[in-house]
Amino acid sequence: MTATTVAPVSGAELLQRQRRREARRWRFLALFAGLILCSLTLDVATGPSLLGVREVLATLLAPAAADPMTRAIVMDMRLPIALMALVVGAALGLGGVQMQTLLDNPLASPYTLGLAAAAGFGAALALVSGGLGLPPLLAIPAGAFVFCMLAASLLFGLALMRHVGSQTLILAGIALLFLFQSLLSLVQFLSSPELNQQILFWLFGSLQRTTWPMLWITVGVTLVCGVLLHRDAWQLTCLRLGEARARSLGVNVVRLRLKTLALVALMTATAISFVGIIGFIGLVAPHIARMLVGEDQRFLIPLSALCGALMLSSASVVSKSIVPGALFPIGIVTALIGVPFFIWLVLSRRGRGRA
């Protein structure tokens, strides 16, 4: 037998390969940004009042020159909803990718770890209790936010305990999911049919109640949390190599886990509190981004946000096109997209495990 020799690769060639990879990743970011602009325009143009894409673009670029009726429809009614779809999708995509990074589990997301179920229970409790004197537009988001942060605090407490690993946090999240779903079922069982209808509509997820103040709050929280997460891109990339190796590279794993969990919980709670439960975006978007740019968090973080934004914006367009003139819950559309992907993911991991 003759031994095969491998030609050594020079440092210049390795550097060139790395530059080609980074250029390819930048192209994916630019591609998704362009697709988001197209989806945003289409989302604003879609609705009961038939508006052409050119008319929408003209109104967006020069609102003062547009017809007053068209300007009111585009700028006051549709644009906040379309922008909220992008921001909430980005927040859920960011939350999902960091949950999967921290717990080293492709099935982890704010939805599967019980944060969304806690928010749903908080919103239902606010509806049943009458909002404790607060107006519904304020009481429902407040209830959802408080209980979502409560569920996150329980996860924080576990993360602070010694000898508690990622698998324990996943099991705790699943336990929280079933706990809050059971409590939510109890609230629905004891509620009147009218309240049940309101709770059900909120649980399906809807962008239609979006206002400019809600949008700016969500934008501010998502932007700040996203920037802080991106500052830890190197440490989060190291964490994907395993906790032991990350510690050997100087990463404070406990501190990083707590900080990331806090940012994800704050971002997710804010988004869910305004639009209701929208599942599977935080599960699907990170996997699409990871297949395109790999595990480098410098690119994975922004692309996960762009993927989530594009998915929810596209789902918004579809939800308004299924039954023209009707408010079709957007959460149903995202579930119809996410469930087949979830099944494929489970089956593909099972096949790799057998191999």
Protein backbone atom coordinates (compact mmCIF):
# COMPACT_ATOMS: atom_id res chain seq x y z
CA MET A 1 0.00 0.00 0.00
CA THR A 2 1.23 3.43 -0.84
CA ALA A 3 0.74 6.26 1.58
CA THR A 4 -1.08 9.27 0.23
CA THR A 5 0.42 12.64 0.98
CA VAL A 6 -1.66 15.74 1.53
CA ALA A 7 -0.22 18.92 0.14
CA PRO A 8 0.11 21.60 2.82
CA VAL A 9 -2.15 24.61 2.48
CA SER A 10 -0.46 27.96 2.70
CA GLY A 11 -1.61 30.71 5.03
CA ALA A 12 -2.44 32.97 2.09
CA GLU A 13 -4.72 30.32 0.60
CA LEU A 14 -6.50 29.81 3.94
CA LEU A 15 -7.00 33.55 4.23
CA GLN A 16 -8.42 33.68 0.71
CA ARG A 17 -10.86 30.87 1.48
CA GLN A 18 -12.00 32.66 4.63
CA ARG A 19 -12.56 35.88 2.68
CA ARG A 20 -14.62 34.00 0.09
CA ARG A 21 -16.75 32.49 2.87
CA GLU A 22 -17.31 35.88 4.45
CA ALA A 23 -18.17 37.46 1.09
CA ARG A 24 -20.72 34.70 0.54
CA ARG A 25 -22.24 35.34 3.95
CA TRP A 26 -22.49 39.08 3.26
CA ARG A 27 -24.30 38.28 0.02
CA PHE A 28 -26.89 36.23 1.95
CA LEU A 29 -27.44 39.15 4.33
CA ALA A 30 -27.92 41.53 1.39
CA LEU A 31 -30.26 39.06 -0.33
CA PHE A 32 -32.52 38.71 2.70
CA ALA A 33 -32.54 42.47 3.25
CA GLY A 34 -33.75 42.93 -0.33
CA LEU A 35 -36.40 40.23 0.08
CA ILE A 36 -37.62 41.94 3.25
CA LEU A 37 -38.08 45.24 1.40
CA CYS A 38 -40.12 43.44 -1.26
CA SER A 39 -42.20 41.63 1.36
CA LEU A 40 -42.79 44.87 3.30
CA THR A 41 -44.08 46.61 0.17
CA LEU A 42 -46.33 43.67 -0.67
CA ASP A 43 -47.62 43.51 2.90
CA VAL A 44 -48.59 47.18 2.83
CA ALA A 45 -50.25 46.73 -0.57
CA THR A 46 -52.28 43.69 0.54
CA GLY A 47 -55.66 44.23 2.17
CA PRO A 48 -59.37 44.90 1.62
CA SER A 49 -58.68 48.26 -0.04
CA LEU A 50 -57.03 47.30 -3.29
CA LEU A 51 -53.87 49.35 -3.75
CA GLY A 52 -51.25 48.86 -6.42
CA VAL A 53 -47.59 48.32 -5.57
CA ARG A 54 -46.61 51.49 -7.46
CA GLU A 55 -49.20 53.49 -5.55
CA VAL A 56 -47.91 52.13 -2.25
CA LEU A 57 -44.29 52.89 -3.16
CA ALA A 58 -45.20 56.42 -4.22
CA THR A 59 -47.02 56.99 -0.94
CA LEU A 60 -44.16 55.61 1.15
CA LEU A 61 -41.57 57.73 -0.66
CA ALA A 62 -43.64 60.93 -0.78
CA PRO A 63 -46.55 60.84 1.71
CA ALA A 64 -47.34 64.53 1.35
CA ALA A 65 -47.98 64.18 -2.38
CA ALA A 66 -50.32 61.19 -2.03
CA ASP A 67 -54.11 61.19 -1.95
CA PRO A 68 -55.38 61.77 1.64
CA MET A 69 -57.34 58.51 1.68
CA THR A 70 -54.41 56.50 0.33
CA ARG A 71 -52.03 58.20 2.76
CA ALA A 72 -54.29 57.34 5.70
CA ILE A 73 -54.56 53.68 4.64
CA VAL A 74 -50.85 53.24 3.96
CA MET A 75 -49.20 55.37 6.65
CA ASP A 76 -51.68 55.11 9.54
CA MET A 77 -53.28 51.69 9.11
CA ARG A 78 -51.05 49.30 7.19
CA LEU A 79 -47.47 50.49 7.65
CA PRO A 80 -47.35 50.03 11.48
CA ILE A 81 -48.71 46.49 11.11
CA ALA A 82 -46.26 45.61 8.34
CA LEU A 83 -43.31 47.01 10.30
CA MET A 84 -44.45 45.21 13.47
CA ALA A 85 -44.37 41.92 11.53
CA LEU A 86 -40.72 42.57 10.68
CA VAL A 87 -39.72 43.58 14.20
CA VAL A 88 -41.54 40.74 15.97
CA GLY A 89 -40.19 38.22 13.46
CA ALA A 90 -36.67 39.53 14.05
CA ALA A 91 -37.11 39.33 17.83
CA LEU A 92 -38.38 35.73 17.68
CA GLY A 93 -35.58 34.74 15.28
CA LEU A 94 -32.97 36.24 17.59
CA GLY A 95 -34.53 34.60 20.64
CA GLY A 96 -34.65 31.22 18.93
CA VAL A 97 -31.04 31.20 17.76
CA GLN A 98 -29.73 32.14 21.20
CA MET A 99 -31.87 29.54 22.97
CA GLN A 100 -30.49 26.90 20.60
CA THR A 101 -26.95 28.18 21.17
CA LEU A 102 -27.19 28.27 24.97
CA LEU A 103 -28.87 24.88 25.34
CA ASP A 104 -27.13 23.18 22.41
CA ASN A 105 -30.48 21.86 21.25
CA PRO A 106 -32.02 22.49 17.80
CA LEU A 107 -35.55 22.20 19.20
CA ALA A 108 -35.13 25.01 21.75
CA SER A 109 -36.99 28.28 21.27
CA PRO A 110 -38.96 30.75 23.41
CA TYR A 111 -42.11 28.92 22.30
CA THR A 112 -40.98 25.40 23.23
CA LEU A 113 -39.47 26.54 26.56
CA GLY A 114 -42.75 27.85 27.95
CA LEU A 115 -42.22 31.61 27.66
CA ALA A 116 -45.01 32.00 25.10
CA ALA A 117 -47.39 29.83 27.15
CA ALA A 118 -46.68 31.96 30.22
CA ALA A 119 -47.45 35.10 28.24
CA GLY A 120 -50.70 33.55 27.03
CA PHE A 121 -51.76 32.74 30.56
CA GLY A 122 -50.92 36.28 31.69
CA ALA A 123 -52.99 37.79 28.89
CA ALA A 124 -55.93 35.49 29.61
CA LEU A 125 -55.77 36.33 33.31
CA ALA A 126 -55.81 40.05 32.47
CA LEU A 127 -58.90 39.57 30.30
CA VAL A 128 -60.76 37.54 32.94
CA SER A 129 -59.89 39.88 35.81
CA GLY A 130 -60.96 42.94 33.87
CA GLY A 131 -57.42 44.31 33.74
CA LEU A 132 -57.55 45.51 37.38
CA GLY A 133 -58.98 48.81 36.21
CA LEU A 134 -56.52 49.30 33.36
CA PRO A 135 -57.71 49.70 29.75
CA PRO A 136 -57.56 46.43 27.77
CA LEU A 137 -54.93 47.78 25.35
CA LEU A 138 -52.61 48.21 28.34
CA ALA A 139 -53.76 45.42 30.66
CA ILE A 140 -53.33 42.53 28.19
CA PRO A 141 -49.73 43.35 27.19
CA ALA A 142 -48.85 44.03 30.83
CA GLY A 143 -50.24 40.67 31.99
CA ALA A 144 -48.46 38.83 29.18
CA PHE A 145 -45.16 40.61 29.91
CA VAL A 146 -45.27 39.98 33.67
CA PHE A 147 -45.92 36.24 33.38
CA CYS A 148 -43.43 35.78 30.57
CA MET A 149 -40.75 37.38 32.73
CA LEU A 150 -41.90 35.25 35.68
CA ALA A 151 -41.32 32.08 33.65
CA ALA A 152 -37.95 33.42 32.56
CA SER A 153 -37.04 34.16 36.19
CA LEU A 154 -37.67 30.52 37.08
CA LEU A 155 -35.27 29.51 34.33
CA PHE A 156 -32.75 32.08 35.64
CA GLY A 157 -32.96 30.55 39.09
CA LEU A 158 -32.21 27.11 37.71
CA ALA A 159 -29.34 28.45 35.62
CA LEU A 160 -27.77 29.91 38.77
CA MET A 161 -27.76 26.53 40.53
CA ARG A 162 -24.63 24.47 40.47
CA HIS A 163 -24.54 21.28 38.42
CA VAL A 164 -27.53 22.41 36.34
CA GLY A 165 -26.77 21.86 32.67
CA SER A 166 -28.52 22.67 29.45
CA GLN A 167 -30.57 19.45 29.44
CA THR A 168 -32.04 20.30 32.85
CA LEU A 169 -33.02 23.76 31.59
CA ILE A 170 -34.72 22.22 28.57
CA LEU A 171 -36.72 19.83 30.77
CA ALA A 172 -37.65 22.72 33.08
CA GLY A 173 -38.82 24.75 30.09
CA ILE A 174 -40.99 21.89 28.87
CA ALA A 175 -42.45 21.56 32.37
CA LEU A 176 -43.27 25.29 32.37
CA LEU A 177 -44.89 24.92 28.94
CA PHE A 178 -47.28 22.25 30.20
CA LEU A 179 -47.89 24.07 33.49
CA PHE A 180 -48.98 27.34 31.90
CA GLN A 181 -50.96 25.57 29.17
CA SER A 182 -52.87 23.72 31.89
CA LEU A 183 -53.51 26.94 33.80
CA LEU A 184 -54.65 28.59 30.58
CA SER A 185 -57.07 25.73 29.91
CA LEU A 186 -58.43 26.16 33.43
CA VAL A 187 -59.01 29.89 32.85
CA GLN A 188 -60.80 29.15 29.57
CA PHE A 189 -62.94 26.49 31.22
CA LEU A 190 -64.10 28.92 33.91
CA SER A 191 -64.63 31.87 31.54
CA SER A 192 -67.72 32.98 29.70
CA PRO A 193 -68.07 32.26 25.96
CA GLU A 194 -67.45 35.94 25.16
CA LEU A 195 -64.19 36.03 27.11
CA ASN A 196 -63.18 32.69 25.63
CA GLN A 197 -63.50 34.16 22.16
CA GLN A 198 -61.25 37.10 23.09
CA ILE A 199 -58.68 34.80 24.70
CA LEU A 200 -58.68 32.49 21.69
CA PHE A 201 -58.18 35.38 19.25
CA TRP A 202 -55.19 36.62 21.26
CA LEU A 203 -53.68 33.13 21.52
CA PHE A 204 -53.80 32.74 17.73
CA GLY A 205 -51.65 35.83 17.34
CA SER A 206 -52.61 39.02 15.55
CA LEU A 207 -50.81 42.11 14.32
CA GLN A 208 -53.99 44.10 13.69
CA ARG A 209 -54.01 45.99 17.00
CA THR A 210 -50.58 47.47 16.40
CA THR A 211 -50.14 51.19 17.07
CA TRP A 212 -47.13 53.40 16.52
CA PRO A 213 -46.28 53.55 20.27
CA MET A 214 -46.38 49.73 20.47
CA LEU A 215 -44.14 49.52 17.41
CA TRP A 216 -41.54 51.95 18.75
CA ILE A 217 -41.37 50.15 22.11
CA THR A 218 -40.82 46.81 20.36
CA VAL A 219 -38.25 48.33 17.99
CA GLY A 220 -36.31 49.89 20.87
CA VAL A 221 -36.19 46.74 22.99
CA THR A 222 -35.34 44.47 20.04
CA LEU A 223 -32.62 46.79 18.76
CA VAL A 224 -30.92 47.19 22.14
CA CYS A 225 -31.08 43.46 22.91
CA GLY A 226 -29.86 42.57 19.41
CA VAL A 227 -26.85 44.89 19.69
CA LEU A 228 -25.93 43.49 23.12
CA LEU A 229 -26.21 39.93 21.82
CA HIS A 230 -24.03 40.73 18.82
CA ARG A 231 -21.35 42.15 21.14
CA ASP A 232 -21.05 38.64 22.61
CA ALA A 233 -20.83 36.99 19.17
CA TRP A 234 -17.34 35.60 19.78
CA GLN A 235 -18.24 34.10 23.16
CA LEU A 236 -21.47 32.60 21.79
CA THR A 237 -19.54 31.05 18.90
CA CYS A 238 -17.12 29.51 21.40
CA LEU A 239 -20.07 28.13 23.37
CA ARG A 240 -21.14 26.13 20.30
CA LEU A 241 -17.87 24.19 20.69
CA GLY A 242 -19.05 22.95 24.08
CA GLU A 243 -19.08 24.42 27.58
CA ALA A 244 -15.75 22.84 28.57
CA ARG A 245 -13.93 24.22 25.54
CA ALA A 246 -15.57 27.62 25.95
CA ARG A 247 -14.29 27.79 29.53
CA SER A 248 -10.80 26.84 28.36
CA LEU A 249 -10.94 29.82 25.97
CA GLY A 250 -11.76 32.19 28.81
CA VAL A 251 -15.55 32.41 28.48
CA ASN A 252 -17.53 32.82 31.70
CA VAL A 253 -20.28 30.37 30.74
CA VAL A 254 -22.58 31.04 33.70
CA ARG A 255 -22.44 34.82 33.21
CA LEU A 256 -22.95 34.48 29.46
CA ARG A 257 -25.91 32.13 29.93
CA LEU A 258 -27.64 34.44 32.42
CA LYS A 259 -27.05 37.57 30.34
CA THR A 260 -28.30 35.93 27.15
CA LEU A 261 -31.34 34.42 28.86
CA ALA A 262 -32.25 37.83 30.29
CA LEU A 263 -31.96 39.56 26.91
CA VAL A 264 -33.94 36.84 25.12
CA ALA A 265 -36.67 36.87 27.78
CA LEU A 266 -37.00 40.67 27.68
CA MET A 267 -37.11 40.74 23.88
CA THR A 268 -39.56 37.83 23.60
CA ALA A 269 -41.84 39.10 26.36
CA THR A 270 -42.09 42.53 24.74
CA ALA A 271 -42.89 41.13 21.29
CA ILE A 272 -45.42 38.54 22.48
CA SER A 273 -47.16 40.96 24.84
CA PHE A 274 -48.28 43.13 21.92
CA VAL A 275 -49.11 40.60 19.20
CA GLY A 276 -50.00 37.38 20.99
CA ILE A 277 -48.50 33.93 20.63
CA ILE A 278 -46.80 33.34 17.30
CA GLY A 279 -45.08 29.98 17.23
CA PHE A 280 -42.37 28.31 15.18
CA ILE A 281 -40.66 31.49 13.92
CA GLY A 282 -38.06 31.15 16.69
CA LEU A 283 -37.61 27.49 15.79
CA VAL A 284 -37.46 27.62 12.00
CA ALA A 285 -35.65 30.91 11.25
CA PRO A 286 -32.38 30.02 13.08
CA HIS A 287 -32.10 26.71 11.21
CA ILE A 288 -32.48 28.41 7.83
CA ALA A 289 -29.82 30.96 8.81
CA ARG A 290 -27.50 28.25 10.15
CA MET A 291 -27.74 26.25 6.91
CA LEU A 292 -26.68 29.36 4.95
CA VAL A 293 -23.90 30.91 7.07
CA GLY A 294 -22.88 28.25 9.59
CA GLU A 295 -22.20 28.80 13.29
CA ASP A 296 -20.29 32.08 13.12
CA GLN A 297 -22.47 34.26 15.34
CA ARG A 298 -21.25 37.46 13.67
CA PHE A 299 -23.39 36.45 10.70
CA LEU A 300 -25.78 33.96 12.32
CA ILE A 301 -27.29 36.57 14.67
CA PRO A 302 -28.24 39.15 12.01
CA LEU A 303 -29.32 36.52 9.46
CA SER A 304 -31.56 34.79 12.03
CA ALA A 305 -33.22 38.16 12.67
CA LEU A 306 -33.65 38.75 8.92
CA CYS A 307 -35.02 35.23 8.38
CA GLY A 308 -37.53 35.68 11.19
CA ALA A 309 -38.58 39.07 9.86
CA LEU A 310 -39.03 37.73 6.33
CA MET A 311 -41.00 34.69 7.54
CA LEU A 312 -43.46 36.69 9.63
CA SER A 313 -43.86 39.37 6.97
CA SER A 314 -44.59 36.70 4.36
CA ALA A 315 -47.03 35.03 6.76
CA SER A 316 -48.77 38.40 7.19
CA VAL A 317 -49.24 38.65 3.43
CA VAL A 318 -50.59 35.09 3.28
CA SER A 319 -52.95 35.64 6.24
CA LYS A 320 -54.56 38.60 4.44
CA SER A 321 -54.82 36.70 1.16
CA ILE A 322 -56.47 33.47 2.40
CA VAL A 323 -59.82 35.08 3.20
CA PRO A 324 -59.90 38.55 1.58
CA GLY A 325 -61.44 41.12 3.90
CA ALA A 326 -61.23 38.84 6.97
CA LEU A 327 -58.74 38.83 9.85
CA PHE A 328 -57.15 35.40 9.53
CA PRO A 329 -54.92 34.80 12.59
CA ILE A 330 -51.27 34.95 11.61
CA GLY A 331 -50.32 32.40 14.27
CA ILE A 332 -52.20 29.72 12.33
CA VAL A 333 -50.20 30.51 9.19
CA THR A 334 -46.85 30.28 10.99
CA ALA A 335 -47.91 26.98 12.59
CA LEU A 336 -48.86 25.53 9.20
CA ILE A 337 -45.39 26.47 7.97
CA GLY A 338 -43.54 25.41 11.11
CA VAL A 339 -45.10 22.04 11.88
CA PRO A 340 -43.83 20.27 8.69
CA PHE A 341 -40.38 21.76 9.28
CA PHE A 342 -40.47 20.61 12.92
CA ILE A 343 -41.35 17.04 11.86
CA TRP A 344 -38.58 17.07 9.23
CA LEU A 345 -36.09 18.29 11.83
CA VAL A 346 -36.99 15.55 14.32
CA LEU A 347 -36.85 12.82 11.64
CA SER A 348 -33.55 14.07 10.24
CA ARG A 349 -31.91 14.11 13.68
CA ARG A 350 -33.26 10.62 14.35
CA GLY A 351 -31.77 9.40 11.07
CA ARG A 352 -28.37 10.91 11.93
CA GLY A 353 -28.54 9.32 15.37
CA ARG A 354 -29.07 5.87 13.88
CA ALA A 355 -26.26 6.39 11.40
